[in-house]
Structure formats: C-alpha cells, structure tokens
Amino acid sequence: MDQKTAAKAALVHTCLVCWVSINTNPKTFKQHSESKHPKSPMVPVLVDVRA
C-alpha cells in the first residue's frame, strides 16, 4: 500500500448508526451525527470535537 492509499483509508469514518462511510475529518463526522442521529448517543471520540 502506498502513502496516498494509506492516507485515503485513514480518512474514512463509518457511522455506527446508518453505516455510511464518510471520507472527511472528525468535525464533519460530528456534524453528520448531530444532524442525522440527534437522539443517538455521540461516539465518545467525537464528544470533544468542535463542530
């Protein structure tokens, strides 16, 4: 695996509620969680991320 492929793989986050893959940063992933799943508990890693 080259560096570019590894970097892309590292940026993929999977929503544990709807199983959508989000190729972006944690900030956008938190926004997804808040807007699409407001009643579901927040993933502990995203609690301190500022959206």
PDB file of N, CA and C in Angstrom:
ATOM      1  N   MET A   1       0.855  -1.176   0.000  1.00  0.00           N
ATOM      2  CA  MET A   1       0.000   0.000   0.000  1.00  0.00           C
ATOM      3  C   MET A   1       0.901   1.240   0.000  1.00  0.00           C
ATOM      4  N   ASP A   2       0.658   2.140  -0.943  1.00  0.00           N
ATOM      5  CA  ASP A   2       1.458   3.355  -0.983  1.00  0.00           C
ATOM      6  C   ASP A   2       0.905   4.401  -0.027  1.00  0.00           C
ATOM      7  N   GLN A   3       1.639   5.491   0.124  1.00  0.00           N
ATOM      8  CA  GLN A   3       1.254   6.533   1.091  1.00  0.00           C
ATOM      9  C   GLN A   3      -0.096   7.154   0.768  1.00  0.00           C
ATOM     10  N   LYS A   4      -0.358   7.389  -0.496  1.00  0.00           N
ATOM     11  CA  LYS A   4      -1.619   8.026  -0.897  1.00  0.00           C
ATOM     12  C   LYS A   4      -2.819   7.141  -0.545  1.00  0.00           C
ATOM     13  N   THR A   5      -2.716   5.853  -0.804  1.00  0.00           N
ATOM     14  CA  THR A   5      -3.792   4.920  -0.485  1.00  0.00           C
ATOM     15  C   THR A   5      -4.005   4.825   1.020  1.00  0.00           C
ATOM     16  N   ALA A   6      -2.908   4.791   1.757  1.00  0.00           N
ATOM     17  CA  ALA A   6      -2.996   4.724   3.219  1.00  0.00           C
ATOM     18  C   ALA A   6      -3.641   5.980   3.785  1.00  0.00           C
ATOM     19  N   ALA A   7      -3.311   7.129   3.232  1.00  0.00           N
ATOM     20  CA  ALA A   7      -3.886   8.388   3.700  1.00  0.00           C
ATOM     21  C   ALA A   7      -5.388   8.428   3.446  1.00  0.00           C
ATOM     22  N   LYS A   8      -5.825   7.954   2.294  1.00  0.00           N
ATOM     23  CA  LYS A   8      -7.256   7.920   1.991  1.00  0.00           C
ATOM     24  C   LYS A   8      -7.987   6.982   2.940  1.00  0.00           C
ATOM     25  N   ALA A   9      -7.402   5.831   3.211  1.00  0.00           N
ATOM     26  CA  ALA A   9      -8.026   4.863   4.110  1.00  0.00           C
ATOM     27  C   ALA A   9      -8.145   5.412   5.524  1.00  0.00           C
ATOM     28  N   ALA A  10      -7.188   6.219   5.935  1.00  0.00           N
ATOM     29  CA  ALA A  10      -7.205   6.792   7.282  1.00  0.00           C
ATOM     30  C   ALA A  10      -8.305   7.831   7.443  1.00  0.00           C
ATOM     31  N   LEU A  11      -8.767   8.414   6.362  1.00  0.00           N
ATOM     32  CA  LEU A  11      -9.777   9.465   6.431  1.00  0.00           C
ATOM     33  C   LEU A  11     -11.205   8.942   6.362  1.00  0.00           C
ATOM     34  N   VAL A  12     -11.380   7.642   6.288  1.00  0.00           N
ATOM     35  CA  VAL A  12     -12.717   7.074   6.199  1.00  0.00           C
ATOM     36  C   VAL A  12     -13.252   6.790   7.595  1.00  0.00           C
ATOM     37  N   HIS A  13     -14.386   7.376   7.899  1.00  0.00           N
ATOM     38  CA  HIS A  13     -15.087   7.134   9.159  1.00  0.00           C
ATOM     39  C   HIS A  13     -16.406   6.462   8.809  1.00  0.00           C
ATOM     40  N   THR A  14     -16.817   5.496   9.603  1.00  0.00           N
ATOM     41  CA  THR A  14     -18.086   4.819   9.366  1.00  0.00           C
ATOM     42  C   THR A  14     -19.041   5.141  10.502  1.00  0.00           C
ATOM     43  N   CYS A  15     -20.197   5.641  10.137  1.00  0.00           N
ATOM     44  CA  CYS A  15     -21.234   5.943  11.116  1.00  0.00           C
ATOM     45  C   CYS A  15     -21.768   4.633  11.675  1.00  0.00           C
ATOM     46  N   LEU A  16     -21.797   4.507  12.989  1.00  0.00           N
ATOM     47  CA  LEU A  16     -22.242   3.280  13.622  1.00  0.00           C
ATOM     48  C   LEU A  16     -23.758   3.147  13.654  1.00  0.00           C
ATOM     49  N   VAL A  17     -24.468   4.198  13.276  1.00  0.00           N
ATOM     50  CA  VAL A  17     -25.933   4.157  13.264  1.00  0.00           C
ATOM     51  C   VAL A  17     -26.447   3.771  11.879  1.00  0.00           C
ATOM     52  N   CYS A  18     -25.986   4.471  10.845  1.00  0.00           N
ATOM     53  CA  CYS A  18     -26.501   4.222   9.496  1.00  0.00           C
ATOM     54  C   CYS A  18     -25.475   3.551   8.582  1.00  0.00           C
ATOM     55  N   TRP A  19     -24.303   3.302   9.075  1.00  0.00           N
ATOM     56  CA  TRP A  19     -23.223   2.601   8.370  1.00  0.00           C
ATOM     57  C   TRP A  19     -22.766   3.297   7.093  1.00  0.00           C
ATOM     58  N   VAL A  20     -22.988   4.588   6.990  1.00  0.00           N
ATOM     59  CA  VAL A  20     -22.485   5.340   5.849  1.00  0.00           C
ATOM     60  C   VAL A  20     -20.998   5.615   6.079  1.00  0.00           C
ATOM     61  N   SER A  21     -20.208   5.541   5.018  1.00  0.00           N
ATOM     62  CA  SER A  21     -18.786   5.867   5.110  1.00  0.00           C
ATOM     63  C   SER A  21     -18.614   7.336   4.790  1.00  0.00           C
ATOM     64  N   ILE A  22     -17.903   8.024   5.639  1.00  0.00           N
ATOM     65  CA  ILE A  22     -17.696   9.456   5.477  1.00  0.00           C
ATOM     66  C   ILE A  22     -16.206   9.682   5.284  1.00  0.00           C
ATOM     67  N   ASN A  23     -15.826  10.151   4.099  1.00  0.00           N
ATOM     68  CA  ASN A  23     -14.424  10.404   3.781  1.00  0.00           C
ATOM     69  C   ASN A  23     -14.085  11.851   4.099  1.00  0.00           C
ATOM     70  N   THR A  24     -13.927  12.134   5.358  1.00  0.00           N
ATOM     71  CA  THR A  24     -13.710  13.519   5.757  1.00  0.00           C
ATOM     72  C   THR A  24     -13.117  13.593   7.148  1.00  0.00           C
ATOM     73  N   ASN A  25     -13.092  14.755   7.707  1.00  0.00           N
ATOM     74  CA  ASN A  25     -12.492  14.962   9.026  1.00  0.00           C
ATOM     75  C   ASN A  25     -13.503  14.724  10.152  1.00  0.00           C
ATOM     76  N   PRO A  26     -13.027  14.578  11.375  1.00  0.00           N
ATOM     77  CA  PRO A  26     -13.925  14.328  12.509  1.00  0.00           C
ATOM     78  C   PRO A  26     -14.969  15.422  12.727  1.00  0.00           C
ATOM     79  N   LYS A  27     -14.638  16.657  12.371  1.00  0.00           N
ATOM     80  CA  LYS A  27     -15.566  17.765  12.546  1.00  0.00           C
ATOM     81  C   LYS A  27     -16.842  17.544  11.721  1.00  0.00           C
ATOM     82  N   THR A  28     -16.678  17.154  10.468  1.00  0.00           N
ATOM     83  CA  THR A  28     -17.821  16.897   9.599  1.00  0.00           C
ATOM     84  C   THR A  28     -18.556  15.640  10.023  1.00  0.00           C
ATOM     85  N   PHE A  29     -17.818  14.654  10.513  1.00  0.00           N
ATOM     86  CA  PHE A  29     -18.440  13.431  11.007  1.00  0.00           C
ATOM     87  C   PHE A  29     -19.329  13.730  12.211  1.00  0.00           C
ATOM     88  N   LYS A  30     -18.890  14.634  13.080  1.00  0.00           N
ATOM     89  CA  LYS A  30     -19.711  15.019  14.232  1.00  0.00           C
ATOM     90  C   LYS A  30     -20.965  15.755  13.764  1.00  0.00           C
ATOM     91  N   GLN A  31     -20.819  16.618  12.772  1.00  0.00           N
ATOM     92  CA  GLN A  31     -21.978  17.322  12.230  1.00  0.00           C
ATOM     93  C   GLN A  31     -22.985  16.338  11.641  1.00  0.00           C
ATOM     94  N   HIS A  32     -22.493  15.303  10.978  1.00  0.00           N
ATOM     95  CA  HIS A  32     -23.368  14.264  10.442  1.00  0.00           C
ATOM     96  C   HIS A  32     -24.142  13.600  11.585  1.00  0.00           C
ATOM     97  N   SER A  33     -23.433  13.239  12.626  1.00  0.00           N
ATOM     98  CA  SER A  33     -24.067  12.563  13.763  1.00  0.00           C
ATOM     99  C   SER A  33     -25.129  13.434  14.410  1.00  0.00           C
ATOM    100  N   GLU A  34     -24.814  14.707  14.589  1.00  0.00           N
ATOM    101  CA  GLU A  34     -25.765  15.624  15.230  1.00  0.00           C
ATOM    102  C   GLU A  34     -27.001  15.877  14.368  1.00  0.00           C
ATOM    103  N   SER A  35     -26.823  15.974  13.056  1.00  0.00           N
ATOM    104  CA  SER A  35     -27.963  16.294  12.201  1.00  0.00           C
ATOM    105  C   SER A  35     -28.792  15.070  11.817  1.00  0.00           C
ATOM    106  N   LYS A  36     -28.155  13.942  11.582  1.00  0.00           N
ATOM    107  CA  LYS A  36     -28.876  12.752  11.128  1.00  0.00           C
ATOM    108  C   LYS A  36     -29.358  11.862  12.276  1.00  0.00           C
ATOM    109  N   HIS A  37     -28.643  11.892  13.404  1.00  0.00           N
ATOM    110  CA  HIS A  37     -28.965  10.995  14.511  1.00  0.00           C
ATOM    111  C   HIS A  37     -28.954  11.729  15.853  1.00  0.00           C
ATOM    112  N   PRO A  38     -29.770  12.766  16.010  1.00  0.00           N
ATOM    113  CA  PRO A  38     -29.720  13.585  17.227  1.00  0.00           C
ATOM    114  C   PRO A  38     -30.092  12.830  18.506  1.00  0.00           C
ATOM    115  N   LYS A  39     -30.871  11.763  18.394  1.00  0.00           N
ATOM    116  CA  LYS A  39     -31.287  11.024  19.590  1.00  0.00           C
ATOM    117  C   LYS A  39     -30.323   9.896  19.956  1.00  0.00           C
ATOM    118  N   SER A  40     -29.402   9.578  19.067  1.00  0.00           N
ATOM    119  CA  SER A  40     -28.432   8.518  19.345  1.00  0.00           C
ATOM    120  C   SER A  40     -27.263   9.085  20.144  1.00  0.00           C
ATOM    121  N   PRO A  41     -26.665   8.271  21.007  1.00  0.00           N
ATOM    122  CA  PRO A  41     -25.513   8.758  21.772  1.00  0.00           C
ATOM    123  C   PRO A  41     -24.336   9.065  20.850  1.00  0.00           C
ATOM    124  N   MET A  42     -23.607  10.112  21.194  1.00  0.00           N
ATOM    125  CA  MET A  42     -22.455  10.532  20.403  1.00  0.00           C
ATOM    126  C   MET A  42     -21.308   9.549  20.607  1.00  0.00           C
ATOM    127  N   VAL A  43     -20.585   9.267  19.543  1.00  0.00           N
ATOM    128  CA  VAL A  43     -19.400   8.421  19.627  1.00  0.00           C
ATOM    129  C   VAL A  43     -18.415   9.109  20.567  1.00  0.00           C
ATOM    130  N   PRO A  44     -17.880   8.395  21.577  1.00  0.00           N
ATOM    131  CA  PRO A  44     -17.008   9.033  22.565  1.00  0.00           C
ATOM    132  C   PRO A  44     -15.836   9.824  21.980  1.00  0.00           C
ATOM    133  N   VAL A  45     -15.308   9.374  20.867  1.00  0.00           N
ATOM    134  CA  VAL A  45     -14.173  10.066  20.253  1.00  0.00           C
ATOM    135  C   VAL A  45     -14.570  11.447  19.751  1.00  0.00           C
ATOM    136  N   LEU A  46     -15.836  11.629  19.398  1.00  0.00           N
ATOM    137  CA  LEU A  46     -16.297  12.899  18.804  1.00  0.00           C
ATOM    138  C   LEU A  46     -16.843  13.883  19.820  1.00  0.00           C
ATOM    139  N   VAL A  47     -16.980  13.483  21.057  1.00  0.00           N
ATOM    140  CA  VAL A  47     -17.592  14.352  22.076  1.00  0.00           C
ATOM    141  C   VAL A  47     -16.849  15.683  22.200  1.00  0.00           C
ATOM    142  N   ASP A  48     -15.530  15.670  22.189  1.00  0.00           N
ATOM    143  CA  ASP A  48     -14.743  16.894  22.364  1.00  0.00           C
ATOM    144  C   ASP A  48     -14.415  17.630  21.079  1.00  0.00           C
ATOM    145  N   VAL A  49     -14.836  17.101  19.915  1.00  0.00           N
ATOM    146  CA  VAL A  49     -14.571  17.753  18.639  1.00  0.00           C
ATOM    147  C   VAL A  49     -15.501  18.949  18.509  1.00  0.00           C
ATOM    148  N   ARG A  50     -14.936  20.072  18.115  1.00  0.00           N
ATOM    149  CA  ARG A  50     -15.751  21.292  17.921  1.00  0.00           C
ATOM    150  C   ARG A  50     -16.268  21.338  16.501  1.00  0.00           C
ATOM    151  N   ALA A  51     -17.570  21.400  16.373  1.00  0.00           N
ATOM    152  CA  ALA A  51     -18.187  21.418  15.037  1.00  0.00           C
ATOM    153  C   ALA A  51     -18.406  22.823  14.547  1.00  0.00           C
TER     154      ALA A  51
END
